[in-house]
Amino acid sequence: MKLALYQGPSPAGATQDGLATLGRMLRAAGAAGARMALFPEVFLPGYNVADPGSAARTTGQWGAAIAPMVRAAGCGVTVGVAEREGDRICNTALAFGPDGTLLAQYRKTQLYGPRERSLFSAGTSHAMFDFEGYRIALLICYDIEFAPLIRDLAGRGAQIILCPTANMQPFTHVARLTVPSQAVNHAVAIAYANYCGSEGDLTYCGGSILVGADGAVHARAGQAEALLIADLPEPDPALLSTQLSDFRPVR
């Protein structure tokens, strides 16, 4: 399967600008043959805005804005949004198929730091879906650093994890080391799409990456805006970790 990862500056609260970027990059990804494009965390309206709740929309409202662009591009999308559900605001990833159908909704379970915990309600469940012959799971940013989460998803049959992120300086090791190690240790491919540039008091790391279940890096961004498009080949079975079946608890 061919995947696209968009790394770019945050819309910084300008939701319409963010939607315009989404549409433009989806068209480019679709023209290149990508079947799913991944965008950063809370890309709509932007991660480090003072009050993401002021621009939050319901899943249905986001779908009404995003689905027509997805259908026009012929490329699915997984994108981070500020989602409103009643009085709650959630840090959510929404996945749409190329026909605009909502495939999955995932609310970040591992909120990072006091700011996120003050702004967002934590999710309580996994989100997985079948797409193009693969079993795909969603995580968001800090979630990817928790090995028990990755192990649980792998045990449930996940083959690919799509992870929008807003990873900031100085945590460059996450894309460089943590993501590949989680992939190879749990035999699951991971796509990790980050921001670049600055937003308020944050400077983002860039370094978006697509890594296979065998630890092979198939695409990696630097510090600048980029649209990565790469095939995710089937890994060599001989290189896949068997930890999931081999682990013997010691008490």
C-alpha atoms as a PDB file:
ATOM      1  CA  MET A   1       0.000   0.000   0.000  1.00  0.00           C
ATOM      2  CA  LYS A   2       1.176   3.508  -0.807  1.00  0.00           C
ATOM      3  CA  LEU A   3       0.938   6.018   2.066  1.00  0.00           C
ATOM      4  CA  ALA A   4       1.409   9.788   2.217  1.00  0.00           C
ATOM      5  CA  LEU A   5       2.579  11.725   5.284  1.00  0.00           C
ATOM      6  CA  TYR A   6       2.211  15.481   5.411  1.00  0.00           C
ATOM      7  CA  GLN A   7       4.657  17.449   7.570  1.00  0.00           C
ATOM      8  CA  GLY A   8       4.106  21.188   7.677  1.00  0.00           C
ATOM      9  CA  PRO A   9       3.490  24.240   9.840  1.00  0.00           C
ATOM     10  CA  SER A  10       0.453  24.375  12.070  1.00  0.00           C
ATOM     11  CA  PRO A  11      -2.572  26.345  10.821  1.00  0.00           C
ATOM     12  CA  ALA A  12      -2.316  28.041  14.249  1.00  0.00           C
ATOM     13  CA  GLY A  13      -6.056  28.491  14.618  1.00  0.00           C
ATOM     14  CA  ALA A  14      -6.821  29.389  10.998  1.00  0.00           C
ATOM     15  CA  THR A  15      -9.134  26.444  10.347  1.00  0.00           C
ATOM     16  CA  GLN A  16      -9.986  27.410   6.785  1.00  0.00           C
ATOM     17  CA  ASP A  17      -6.304  27.642   5.929  1.00  0.00           C
ATOM     18  CA  GLY A  18      -5.815  24.202   7.443  1.00  0.00           C
ATOM     19  CA  LEU A  19      -8.661  22.774   5.367  1.00  0.00           C
ATOM     20  CA  ALA A  20      -7.204  24.377   2.240  1.00  0.00           C
ATOM     21  CA  THR A  21      -3.819  22.764   2.952  1.00  0.00           C
ATOM     22  CA  LEU A  22      -5.534  19.453   3.598  1.00  0.00           C
ATOM     23  CA  GLY A  23      -7.310  19.602   0.244  1.00  0.00           C
ATOM     24  CA  ARG A  24      -4.196  20.632  -1.664  1.00  0.00           C
ATOM     25  CA  MET A  25      -2.026  17.894  -0.163  1.00  0.00           C
ATOM     26  CA  LEU A  26      -4.734  15.279  -0.623  1.00  0.00           C
ATOM     27  CA  ARG A  27      -4.914  16.100  -4.329  1.00  0.00           C
ATOM     28  CA  ALA A  28      -1.142  15.730  -4.624  1.00  0.00           C
ATOM     29  CA  ALA A  29      -1.164  12.470  -2.667  1.00  0.00           C
ATOM     30  CA  GLY A  30      -4.013  11.072  -4.736  1.00  0.00           C
ATOM     31  CA  ALA A  31      -2.306  12.031  -7.986  1.00  0.00           C
ATOM     32  CA  ALA A  32       0.777  10.113  -6.826  1.00  0.00           C
ATOM     33  CA  GLY A  33      -1.289   7.010  -6.125  1.00  0.00           C
ATOM     34  CA  ALA A  34      -1.426   7.162  -2.326  1.00  0.00           C
ATOM     35  CA  ARG A  35      -4.405   5.410  -0.744  1.00  0.00           C
ATOM     36  CA  MET A  36      -4.190   7.070   2.682  1.00  0.00           C
ATOM     37  CA  ALA A  37      -2.633  10.382   3.774  1.00  0.00           C
ATOM     38  CA  LEU A  38      -1.670  11.144   7.363  1.00  0.00           C
ATOM     39  CA  PHE A  39      -1.650  14.645   8.900  1.00  0.00           C
ATOM     40  CA  PRO A  40      -0.410  15.934  12.291  1.00  0.00           C
ATOM     41  CA  GLU A  41      -2.126  16.063  15.687  1.00  0.00           C
ATOM     42  CA  VAL A  42      -5.013  18.551  16.093  1.00  0.00           C
ATOM     43  CA  PHE A  43      -4.172  19.828  12.618  1.00  0.00           C
ATOM     44  CA  LEU A  44      -7.624  21.364  12.652  1.00  0.00           C
ATOM     45  CA  PRO A  45      -7.463  24.037  14.053  1.00  0.00           C
ATOM     46  CA  GLY A  46      -3.813  23.698  15.212  1.00  0.00           C
ATOM     47  CA  TYR A  47      -2.157  22.087  18.218  1.00  0.00           C
ATOM     48  CA  ASN A  48      -0.812  25.005  20.258  1.00  0.00           C
ATOM     49  CA  VAL A  49      -3.721  27.433  20.014  1.00  0.00           C
ATOM     50  CA  ALA A  50      -4.881  28.996  23.260  1.00  0.00           C
ATOM     51  CA  ASP A  51      -8.393  27.564  23.103  1.00  0.00           C
ATOM     52  CA  PRO A  52      -8.809  24.665  20.656  1.00  0.00           C
ATOM     53  CA  GLY A  53     -12.332  24.223  21.964  1.00  0.00           C
ATOM     54  CA  SER A  54     -13.445  27.473  20.363  1.00  0.00           C
ATOM     55  CA  ALA A  55     -12.907  25.939  16.908  1.00  0.00           C
ATOM     56  CA  ALA A  56     -13.836  22.362  17.822  1.00  0.00           C
ATOM     57  CA  ARG A  57     -16.513  20.621  15.761  1.00  0.00           C
ATOM     58  CA  THR A  58     -18.408  17.376  16.075  1.00  0.00           C
ATOM     59  CA  THR A  59     -17.233  14.379  14.096  1.00  0.00           C
ATOM     60  CA  GLY A  60     -20.151  14.878  11.733  1.00  0.00           C
ATOM     61  CA  GLN A  61     -19.253  18.525  11.154  1.00  0.00           C
ATOM     62  CA  TRP A  62     -15.608  17.685  10.454  1.00  0.00           C
ATOM     63  CA  GLY A  63     -16.765  14.928   8.117  1.00  0.00           C
ATOM     64  CA  ALA A  64     -18.956  17.341   6.167  1.00  0.00           C
ATOM     65  CA  ALA A  65     -15.898  19.551   5.565  1.00  0.00           C
ATOM     66  CA  ILE A  66     -13.370  16.798   4.874  1.00  0.00           C
ATOM     67  CA  ALA A  67     -15.261  14.068   3.008  1.00  0.00           C
ATOM     68  CA  PRO A  68     -15.809  16.055  -0.231  1.00  0.00           C
ATOM     69  CA  MET A  69     -12.063  16.760  -0.482  1.00  0.00           C
ATOM     70  CA  VAL A  70     -11.270  13.094   0.118  1.00  0.00           C
ATOM     71  CA  ARG A  71     -13.665  11.980  -2.613  1.00  0.00           C
ATOM     72  CA  ALA A  72     -12.305  14.549  -5.064  1.00  0.00           C
ATOM     73  CA  ALA A  73      -8.721  13.403  -4.427  1.00  0.00           C
ATOM     74  CA  GLY A  74      -9.463   9.674  -4.408  1.00  0.00           C
ATOM     75  CA  CYS A  75      -7.212   9.342  -1.362  1.00  0.00           C
ATOM     76  CA  GLY A  76      -8.204   8.525   2.207  1.00  0.00           C
ATOM     77  CA  VAL A  77      -7.047  10.688   5.091  1.00  0.00           C
ATOM     78  CA  THR A  78      -6.277  10.359   8.787  1.00  0.00           C
ATOM     79  CA  VAL A  79      -6.120  13.749  10.470  1.00  0.00           C
ATOM     80  CA  GLY A  80      -5.989  15.123  13.992  1.00  0.00           C
ATOM     81  CA  VAL A  81      -8.861  17.406  15.028  1.00  0.00           C
ATOM     82  CA  ALA A  82     -10.320  19.107  18.071  1.00  0.00           C
ATOM     83  CA  GLU A  83     -13.565  17.181  18.453  1.00  0.00           C
ATOM     84  CA  ARG A  84     -16.594  18.407  20.364  1.00  0.00           C
ATOM     85  CA  GLU A  85     -18.965  15.974  22.013  1.00  0.00           C
ATOM     86  CA  GLY A  86     -21.447  17.823  24.197  1.00  0.00           C
ATOM     87  CA  ASP A  87     -19.441  19.633  26.857  1.00  0.00           C
ATOM     88  CA  ARG A  88     -16.289  17.606  26.137  1.00  0.00           C
ATOM     89  CA  ILE A  89     -13.405  18.508  23.838  1.00  0.00           C
ATOM     90  CA  CYS A  90     -11.265  15.591  22.693  1.00  0.00           C
ATOM     91  CA  ASN A  91      -7.914  15.323  20.954  1.00  0.00           C
ATOM     92  CA  THR A  92      -9.128  13.058  18.172  1.00  0.00           C
ATOM     93  CA  ALA A  93      -7.901  11.354  15.010  1.00  0.00           C
ATOM     94  CA  LEU A  94     -10.464  10.748  12.278  1.00  0.00           C
ATOM     95  CA  ALA A  95      -9.839   8.306   9.430  1.00  0.00           C
ATOM     96  CA  PHE A  96     -11.812   8.564   6.172  1.00  0.00           C
ATOM     97  CA  GLY A  97     -11.686   6.179   3.218  1.00  0.00           C
ATOM     98  CA  PRO A  98     -11.180   7.418  -0.362  1.00  0.00           C
ATOM     99  CA  ASP A  99     -14.970   7.482  -0.821  1.00  0.00           C
ATOM    100  CA  GLY A 100     -15.382   9.821   2.167  1.00  0.00           C
ATOM    101  CA  THR A 101     -16.712   7.149   4.537  1.00  0.00           C
ATOM    102  CA  LEU A 102     -15.686   7.553   8.177  1.00  0.00           C
ATOM    103  CA  LEU A 103     -13.581   4.485   8.969  1.00  0.00           C
ATOM    104  CA  ALA A 104     -12.556   5.217  12.555  1.00  0.00           C
ATOM    105  CA  GLN A 105     -12.562   7.794  15.329  1.00  0.00           C
ATOM    106  CA  TYR A 106      -9.897   7.657  18.036  1.00  0.00           C
ATOM    107  CA  ARG A 107      -9.589   9.892  21.085  1.00  0.00           C
ATOM    108  CA  LYS A 108      -6.102  10.232  22.547  1.00  0.00           C
ATOM    109  CA  THR A 109      -5.831   8.128  25.686  1.00  0.00           C
ATOM    110  CA  GLN A 110      -2.427   9.258  26.988  1.00  0.00           C
ATOM    111  CA  LEU A 111      -2.728  13.027  27.329  1.00  0.00           C
ATOM    112  CA  TYR A 112       0.627  14.778  27.577  1.00  0.00           C
ATOM    113  CA  GLY A 113       1.339  17.261  30.374  1.00  0.00           C
ATOM    114  CA  PRO A 114      -0.895  19.651  32.314  1.00  0.00           C
ATOM    115  CA  ARG A 115      -1.910  21.695  29.268  1.00  0.00           C
ATOM    116  CA  GLU A 116      -3.450  18.770  27.387  1.00  0.00           C
ATOM    117  CA  ARG A 117      -5.084  17.436  30.542  1.00  0.00           C
ATOM    118  CA  SER A 118      -6.683  20.833  31.151  1.00  0.00           C
ATOM    119  CA  LEU A 119      -7.972  21.171  27.570  1.00  0.00           C
ATOM    120  CA  PHE A 120      -9.020  17.679  26.508  1.00  0.00           C
ATOM    121  CA  SER A 121     -10.993  14.720  27.815  1.00  0.00           C
ATOM    122  CA  ALA A 122      -9.032  11.471  27.510  1.00  0.00           C
ATOM    123  CA  GLY A 123     -10.265   8.645  25.334  1.00  0.00           C
ATOM    124  CA  THR A 124     -11.005   5.241  26.802  1.00  0.00           C
ATOM    125  CA  SER A 125     -10.847   2.783  23.897  1.00  0.00           C
ATOM    126  CA  HIS A 126      -8.874   1.609  20.890  1.00  0.00           C
ATOM    127  CA  ALA A 127      -9.830   2.279  17.272  1.00  0.00           C
ATOM    128  CA  MET A 128      -9.061  -0.223  14.506  1.00  0.00           C
ATOM    129  CA  PHE A 129     -10.334  -0.723  10.975  1.00  0.00           C
ATOM    130  CA  ASP A 130      -9.705  -2.775   7.849  1.00  0.00           C
ATOM    131  CA  PHE A 131      -8.357  -0.934   4.817  1.00  0.00           C
ATOM    132  CA  GLU A 132      -6.762  -2.121   1.579  1.00  0.00           C
ATOM    133  CA  GLY A 133      -6.241  -5.586   3.036  1.00  0.00           C
ATOM    134  CA  TYR A 134      -4.572  -4.358   6.244  1.00  0.00           C
ATOM    135  CA  ARG A 135      -5.724  -4.111   9.849  1.00  0.00           C
ATOM    136  CA  ILE A 136      -4.985  -0.528  10.886  1.00  0.00           C
ATOM    137  CA  ALA A 137      -4.982   1.108  14.322  1.00  0.00           C
ATOM    138  CA  LEU A 138      -4.848   4.767  15.343  1.00  0.00           C
ATOM    139  CA  LEU A 139      -2.745   6.385  18.061  1.00  0.00           C
ATOM    140  CA  ILE A 140      -1.860  10.029  18.718  1.00  0.00           C
ATOM    141  CA  CYS A 141       1.570  11.452  19.625  1.00  0.00           C
ATOM    142  CA  TYR A 142       2.426  10.513  23.249  1.00  0.00           C
ATOM    143  CA  ASP A 143       0.442   7.267  22.892  1.00  0.00           C
ATOM    144  CA  ILE A 144       3.148   5.819  20.630  1.00  0.00           C
ATOM    145  CA  GLU A 145       5.696   5.946  23.467  1.00  0.00           C
ATOM    146  CA  PHE A 146       3.800   3.403  25.595  1.00  0.00           C
ATOM    147  CA  ALA A 147       4.944  -0.130  24.755  1.00  0.00           C
ATOM    148  CA  PRO A 148       1.918  -1.766  26.458  1.00  0.00           C
ATOM    149  CA  LEU A 149      -0.383   0.087  24.059  1.00  0.00           C
ATOM    150  CA  ILE A 150       1.581  -1.104  21.024  1.00  0.00           C
ATOM    151  CA  ARG A 151       1.690  -4.647  22.374  1.00  0.00           C
ATOM    152  CA  ASP A 152      -2.068  -4.629  22.949  1.00  0.00           C
ATOM    153  CA  LEU A 153      -2.772  -3.384  19.419  1.00  0.00           C
ATOM    154  CA  ALA A 154      -0.395  -5.936  17.897  1.00  0.00           C
ATOM    155  CA  GLY A 155      -2.110  -8.654  19.918  1.00  0.00           C
ATOM    156  CA  ARG A 156      -5.437  -7.528  18.453  1.00  0.00           C
ATOM    157  CA  GLY A 157      -4.067  -7.985  14.957  1.00  0.00           C
ATOM    158  CA  ALA A 158      -2.911  -4.476  14.045  1.00  0.00           C
ATOM    159  CA  GLN A 159      -0.485  -4.458  11.116  1.00  0.00           C
ATOM    160  CA  ILE A 160      -0.128  -0.675  10.698  1.00  0.00           C
ATOM    161  CA  ILE A 161      -0.431   2.146  13.231  1.00  0.00           C
ATOM    162  CA  LEU A 162      -1.206   5.645  11.930  1.00  0.00           C
ATOM    163  CA  CYS A 163      -0.064   8.269  14.416  1.00  0.00           C
ATOM    164  CA  PRO A 164      -0.634  12.029  14.040  1.00  0.00           C
ATOM    165  CA  THR A 165       1.758  13.908  16.322  1.00  0.00           C
ATOM    166  CA  ALA A 166       2.814  17.342  17.536  1.00  0.00           C
ATOM    167  CA  ASN A 167       6.240  16.397  18.825  1.00  0.00           C
ATOM    168  CA  MET A 168       8.276  19.395  19.902  1.00  0.00           C
ATOM    169  CA  GLN A 169      11.868  20.185  20.794  1.00  0.00           C
ATOM    170  CA  PRO A 170      13.879  18.816  22.503  1.00  0.00           C
ATOM    171  CA  PHE A 171      12.264  15.383  22.025  1.00  0.00           C
ATOM    172  CA  THR A 172      13.953  14.503  18.733  1.00  0.00           C
ATOM    173  CA  HIS A 173      14.635  10.954  19.941  1.00  0.00           C
ATOM    174  CA  VAL A 174      10.968   9.962  19.577  1.00  0.00           C
ATOM    175  CA  ALA A 175      10.896   9.893  15.771  1.00  0.00           C
ATOM    176  CA  ARG A 176      14.545   8.905  15.502  1.00  0.00           C
ATOM    177  CA  LEU A 177      14.609   6.042  18.027  1.00  0.00           C
ATOM    178  CA  THR A 178      11.322   5.355  19.812  1.00  0.00           C
ATOM    179  CA  VAL A 179       9.071   4.922  16.793  1.00  0.00           C
ATOM    180  CA  PRO A 180      11.402   2.502  14.921  1.00  0.00           C
ATOM    181  CA  SER A 181      12.015   0.486  18.100  1.00  0.00           C
ATOM    182  CA  GLN A 182       8.295   0.174  18.815  1.00  0.00           C
ATOM    183  CA  ALA A 183       7.735  -0.990  15.245  1.00  0.00           C
ATOM    184  CA  VAL A 184      10.447  -3.632  15.184  1.00  0.00           C
ATOM    185  CA  ASN A 185       9.813  -4.899  18.725  1.00  0.00           C
ATOM    186  CA  HIS A 186       6.099  -5.431  18.079  1.00  0.00           C
ATOM    187  CA  ALA A 187       6.209  -6.330  14.353  1.00  0.00           C
ATOM    188  CA  VAL A 188       3.857  -3.528  13.344  1.00  0.00           C
ATOM    189  CA  ALA A 189       4.437  -0.768  10.783  1.00  0.00           C
ATOM    190  CA  ILE A 190       4.127   2.817  12.062  1.00  0.00           C
ATOM    191  CA  ALA A 191       3.445   6.049  10.179  1.00  0.00           C
ATOM    192  CA  TYR A 192       4.192   9.143  12.290  1.00  0.00           C
ATOM    193  CA  ALA A 193       3.323  12.591  10.870  1.00  0.00           C
ATOM    194  CA  ASN A 194       4.610  15.648  12.726  1.00  0.00           C
ATOM    195  CA  TYR A 195       4.628  19.419  12.388  1.00  0.00           C
ATOM    196  CA  CYS A 196       7.643  21.549  11.521  1.00  0.00           C
ATOM    197  CA  GLY A 197       8.377  25.186  12.307  1.00  0.00           C
ATOM    198  CA  SER A 198       7.117  27.098  15.343  1.00  0.00           C
ATOM    199  CA  GLU A 199       3.710  27.763  16.849  1.00  0.00           C
ATOM    200  CA  GLY A 200       3.551  30.094  19.827  1.00  0.00           C
ATOM    201  CA  ASP A 201       6.120  28.953  22.357  1.00  0.00           C
ATOM    202  CA  LEU A 202       6.693  25.563  20.692  1.00  0.00           C
ATOM    203  CA  THR A 203       9.228  24.595  18.058  1.00  0.00           C
ATOM    204  CA  TYR A 204       8.374  21.299  16.408  1.00  0.00           C
ATOM    205  CA  CYS A 205      10.909  18.563  15.651  1.00  0.00           C
ATOM    206  CA  GLY A 206       9.801  17.491  12.179  1.00  0.00           C
ATOM    207  CA  GLY A 207      11.291  14.082  11.458  1.00  0.00           C
ATOM    208  CA  SER A 208       8.056  12.462  10.250  1.00  0.00           C
ATOM    209  CA  ILE A 209       8.699   8.812   9.498  1.00  0.00           C
ATOM    210  CA  LEU A 210       7.268   5.683   7.888  1.00  0.00           C
ATOM    211  CA  VAL A 211       8.824   2.524   9.304  1.00  0.00           C
ATOM    212  CA  GLY A 212       8.002  -1.071   8.459  1.00  0.00           C
ATOM    213  CA  ALA A 213       7.188  -3.930  10.798  1.00  0.00           C
ATOM    214  CA  ASP A 214      10.770  -5.156  10.348  1.00  0.00           C
ATOM    215  CA  GLY A 215      12.228  -1.771  11.375  1.00  0.00           C
ATOM    216  CA  ALA A 216      13.068  -0.686   7.834  1.00  0.00           C
ATOM    217  CA  VAL A 217      12.679   3.072   7.323  1.00  0.00           C
ATOM    218  CA  HIS A 218      10.807   3.705   4.065  1.00  0.00           C
ATOM    219  CA  ALA A 219      10.533   7.501   4.318  1.00  0.00           C
ATOM    220  CA  ARG A 220      11.802  10.175   6.683  1.00  0.00           C
ATOM    221  CA  ALA A 221      11.418  13.966   6.634  1.00  0.00           C
ATOM    222  CA  GLY A 222      13.910  16.549   7.811  1.00  0.00           C
ATOM    223  CA  GLN A 223      12.933  19.824   9.480  1.00  0.00           C
ATOM    224  CA  ALA A 224      11.090  21.470   6.583  1.00  0.00           C
ATOM    225  CA  GLU A 225       7.632  21.141   5.070  1.00  0.00           C
ATOM    226  CA  ALA A 226       7.314  17.896   3.132  1.00  0.00           C
ATOM    227  CA  LEU A 227       4.811  15.507   1.614  1.00  0.00           C
ATOM    228  CA  LEU A 228       6.297  12.038   1.932  1.00  0.00           C
ATOM    229  CA  ILE A 229       4.840   9.421  -0.400  1.00  0.00           C
ATOM    230  CA  ALA A 230       6.128   5.878  -0.155  1.00  0.00           C
ATOM    231  CA  ASP A 231       5.119   2.281  -0.686  1.00  0.00           C
ATOM    232  CA  LEU A 232       4.865   0.145   2.419  1.00  0.00           C
ATOM    233  CA  PRO A 233       6.153  -3.219   1.202  1.00  0.00           C
ATOM    234  CA  GLU A 234       5.499  -6.547   2.832  1.00  0.00           C
ATOM    235  CA  PRO A 235       8.316  -7.161   5.346  1.00  0.00           C
ATOM    236  CA  ASP A 236      10.626 -10.161   5.254  1.00  0.00           C
ATOM    237  CA  PRO A 237       8.939 -12.668   7.615  1.00  0.00           C
ATOM    238  CA  ALA A 238      12.357 -13.796   8.837  1.00  0.00           C
ATOM    239  CA  LEU A 239      12.966 -10.309  10.266  1.00  0.00           C
ATOM    240  CA  LEU A 240       9.700 -10.002  12.165  1.00  0.00           C
ATOM    241  CA  SER A 241       9.814 -10.099  15.952  1.00  0.00           C
ATOM    242  CA  THR A 242       8.098 -13.060  17.617  1.00  0.00           C
ATOM    243  CA  GLN A 243       8.057 -11.456  21.078  1.00  0.00           C
ATOM    244  CA  LEU A 244       4.266 -11.446  21.167  1.00  0.00           C
ATOM    245  CA  SER A 245       4.134 -15.249  21.142  1.00  0.00           C
ATOM    246  CA  ASP A 246       7.493 -15.928  22.807  1.00  0.00           C
ATOM    247  CA  PHE A 247       7.154 -13.795  25.943  1.00  0.00           C
ATOM    248  CA  ARG A 248       7.189 -15.822  29.176  1.00  0.00           C
ATOM    249  CA  PRO A 249       6.186 -13.821  32.275  1.00  0.00           C
ATOM    250  CA  VAL A 250       8.542 -14.123  35.240  1.00  0.00           C
ATOM    251  CA  ARG A 251       7.031 -13.647  38.669  1.00  0.00           C
END
